[in-house]
């Protein structure tokens, strides 16, 4: 991914988040599923902003997000099982 694409993504996301009252974006990692407009094939794009973020830092952000999602799922499952009792 080019640094120009990374810069454009960071500006766009920062603008949307600011408009909704969130703080400043300092770093960003993303995963995007893309669909080819001609044949419908799926592709994956991942990256980080700034574009020169070390790969280990990008991986750490993704792991942090996965852990957060897993914790949310665990809490929801525990709440659902308590409601069933």
C-alpha atoms as a PDB file:
ATOM      1  CA  UNK A   1       0.000   0.000   0.000  1.00  0.00           C
ATOM      2  CA  UNK A   2       1.362   3.395  -0.897  1.00  0.00           C
ATOM      3  CA  UNK A   3       1.971   6.028   1.731  1.00  0.00           C
ATOM      4  CA  UNK A   4      -0.446   8.313  -0.165  1.00  0.00           C
ATOM      5  CA  UNK A   5      -3.275   5.773   0.272  1.00  0.00           C
ATOM      6  CA  UNK A   6      -2.372   5.454   3.963  1.00  0.00           C
ATOM      7  CA  UNK A   7      -2.390   9.235   4.386  1.00  0.00           C
ATOM      8  CA  UNK A   8      -5.728   9.576   2.590  1.00  0.00           C
ATOM      9  CA  UNK A   9      -7.300   6.843   4.741  1.00  0.00           C
ATOM     10  CA  UNK A  10      -6.037   8.401   7.944  1.00  0.00           C
ATOM     11  CA  UNK A  11      -7.400  11.822   6.971  1.00  0.00           C
ATOM     12  CA  UNK A  12     -10.789  10.391   5.982  1.00  0.00           C
ATOM     13  CA  UNK A  13     -11.200   8.297   9.129  1.00  0.00           C
ATOM     14  CA  UNK A  14      -9.925  11.094  11.371  1.00  0.00           C
ATOM     15  CA  UNK A  15     -12.461  13.461   9.813  1.00  0.00           C
ATOM     16  CA  UNK A  16     -15.368  11.044  10.386  1.00  0.00           C
ATOM     17  CA  UNK A  17     -14.335  10.306  13.971  1.00  0.00           C
ATOM     18  CA  UNK A  18     -13.906  14.006  14.746  1.00  0.00           C
ATOM     19  CA  UNK A  19     -17.365  14.736  13.323  1.00  0.00           C
ATOM     20  CA  UNK A  20     -18.783  12.173  15.764  1.00  0.00           C
ATOM     21  CA  UNK A  21     -16.974  13.583  18.786  1.00  0.00           C
ATOM     22  CA  UNK A  22     -14.108  11.108  19.119  1.00  0.00           C
ATOM     23  CA  UNK A  23     -10.500  12.039  19.830  1.00  0.00           C
ATOM     24  CA  UNK A  24      -7.596  12.480  17.464  1.00  0.00           C
ATOM     25  CA  UNK A  25      -6.312   9.509  15.473  1.00  0.00           C
ATOM     26  CA  UNK A  26      -2.668   8.836  16.264  1.00  0.00           C
ATOM     27  CA  UNK A  27      -2.285   5.391  14.691  1.00  0.00           C
ATOM     28  CA  UNK A  28      -4.593   3.179  12.720  1.00  0.00           C
ATOM     29  CA  UNK A  29      -4.603  -0.434  11.561  1.00  0.00           C
ATOM     30  CA  UNK A  30      -7.239  -1.824   9.266  1.00  0.00           C
ATOM     31  CA  UNK A  31      -8.445  -4.893   7.439  1.00  0.00           C
ATOM     32  CA  UNK A  32     -10.696  -4.438   4.438  1.00  0.00           C
ATOM     33  CA  UNK A  33     -12.416  -7.072   2.316  1.00  0.00           C
ATOM     34  CA  UNK A  34     -12.477  -5.981  -1.309  1.00  0.00           C
ATOM     35  CA  UNK A  35     -14.696  -7.299  -4.101  1.00  0.00           C
ATOM     36  CA  UNK A  36     -13.392  -7.240  -7.667  1.00  0.00           C
ATOM     37  CA  UNK A  37     -15.895  -5.271  -9.735  1.00  0.00           C
ATOM     38  CA  UNK A  38     -15.408  -7.483 -12.798  1.00  0.00           C
ATOM     39  CA  UNK A  39     -15.501 -11.053 -11.488  1.00  0.00           C
ATOM     40  CA  UNK A  40     -16.668 -10.674  -7.880  1.00  0.00           C
ATOM     41  CA  UNK A  41     -13.512 -12.261  -6.476  1.00  0.00           C
ATOM     42  CA  UNK A  42     -12.802 -11.412  -2.871  1.00  0.00           C
ATOM     43  CA  UNK A  43      -9.517  -9.943  -1.741  1.00  0.00           C
ATOM     44  CA  UNK A  44      -8.021  -8.739   1.502  1.00  0.00           C
ATOM     45  CA  UNK A  45      -6.232  -5.474   2.111  1.00  0.00           C
ATOM     46  CA  UNK A  46      -4.589  -4.690   5.406  1.00  0.00           C
ATOM     47  CA  UNK A  47      -2.397  -1.851   6.443  1.00  0.00           C
ATOM     48  CA  UNK A  48      -1.541   0.787   8.934  1.00  0.00           C
ATOM     49  CA  UNK A  49      -1.242   4.523   9.232  1.00  0.00           C
ATOM     50  CA  UNK A  50       1.285   5.944   9.276  1.00  0.00           C
ATOM     51  CA  UNK A  51       2.456   3.698   6.431  1.00  0.00           C
ATOM     52  CA  UNK A  52       5.859   3.161   8.053  1.00  0.00           C
ATOM     53  CA  UNK A  53       4.404   1.530  11.182  1.00  0.00           C
ATOM     54  CA  UNK A  54       6.553  -1.531  11.965  1.00  0.00           C
ATOM     55  CA  UNK A  55       4.856  -4.842  11.166  1.00  0.00           C
ATOM     56  CA  UNK A  56       5.169  -5.996  14.804  1.00  0.00           C
ATOM     57  CA  UNK A  57       3.294  -2.882  15.938  1.00  0.00           C
ATOM     58  CA  UNK A  58       0.562  -3.468  13.349  1.00  0.00           C
ATOM     59  CA  UNK A  59       0.268  -7.079  14.535  1.00  0.00           C
ATOM     60  CA  UNK A  60       0.047  -5.925  18.155  1.00  0.00           C
ATOM     61  CA  UNK A  61      -2.856  -3.613  17.324  1.00  0.00           C
ATOM     62  CA  UNK A  62      -4.694  -6.429  15.548  1.00  0.00           C
ATOM     63  CA  UNK A  63      -4.125  -8.784  18.492  1.00  0.00           C
ATOM     64  CA  UNK A  64      -5.398  -6.125  20.896  1.00  0.00           C
ATOM     65  CA  UNK A  65      -8.559  -5.729  18.787  1.00  0.00           C
ATOM     66  CA  UNK A  66      -9.109  -9.511  18.643  1.00  0.00           C
ATOM     67  CA  UNK A  67      -8.717  -9.742  22.420  1.00  0.00           C
ATOM     68  CA  UNK A  68     -11.247  -6.941  22.875  1.00  0.00           C
ATOM     69  CA  UNK A  69     -13.739  -8.706  20.589  1.00  0.00           C
ATOM     70  CA  UNK A  70     -13.221 -12.014  22.409  1.00  0.00           C
ATOM     71  CA  UNK A  71     -13.816 -10.337  25.770  1.00  0.00           C
ATOM     72  CA  UNK A  72     -17.040  -8.776  24.493  1.00  0.00           C
ATOM     73  CA  UNK A  73     -18.250 -12.154  23.221  1.00  0.00           C
ATOM     74  CA  UNK A  74     -17.391 -13.817  26.542  1.00  0.00           C
ATOM     75  CA  UNK A  75     -19.268 -11.177  28.535  1.00  0.00           C
ATOM     76  CA  UNK A  76     -22.312 -11.466  26.263  1.00  0.00           C
ATOM     77  CA  UNK A  77     -22.321 -15.254  26.543  1.00  0.00           C
ATOM     78  CA  UNK A  78     -22.045 -15.077  30.333  1.00  0.00           C
ATOM     79  CA  UNK A  79     -24.914 -12.577  30.492  1.00  0.00           C
ATOM     80  CA  UNK A  80     -27.039 -14.788  28.209  1.00  0.00           C
ATOM     81  CA  UNK A  81     -26.398 -17.888  30.329  1.00  0.00           C
ATOM     82  CA  UNK A  82     -27.326 -16.001  33.517  1.00  0.00           C
ATOM     83  CA  UNK A  83     -30.608 -14.914  31.921  1.00  0.00           C
ATOM     84  CA  UNK A  84     -31.411 -18.549  31.090  1.00  0.00           C
ATOM     85  CA  UNK A  85     -31.083 -19.592  34.727  1.00  0.00           C
END
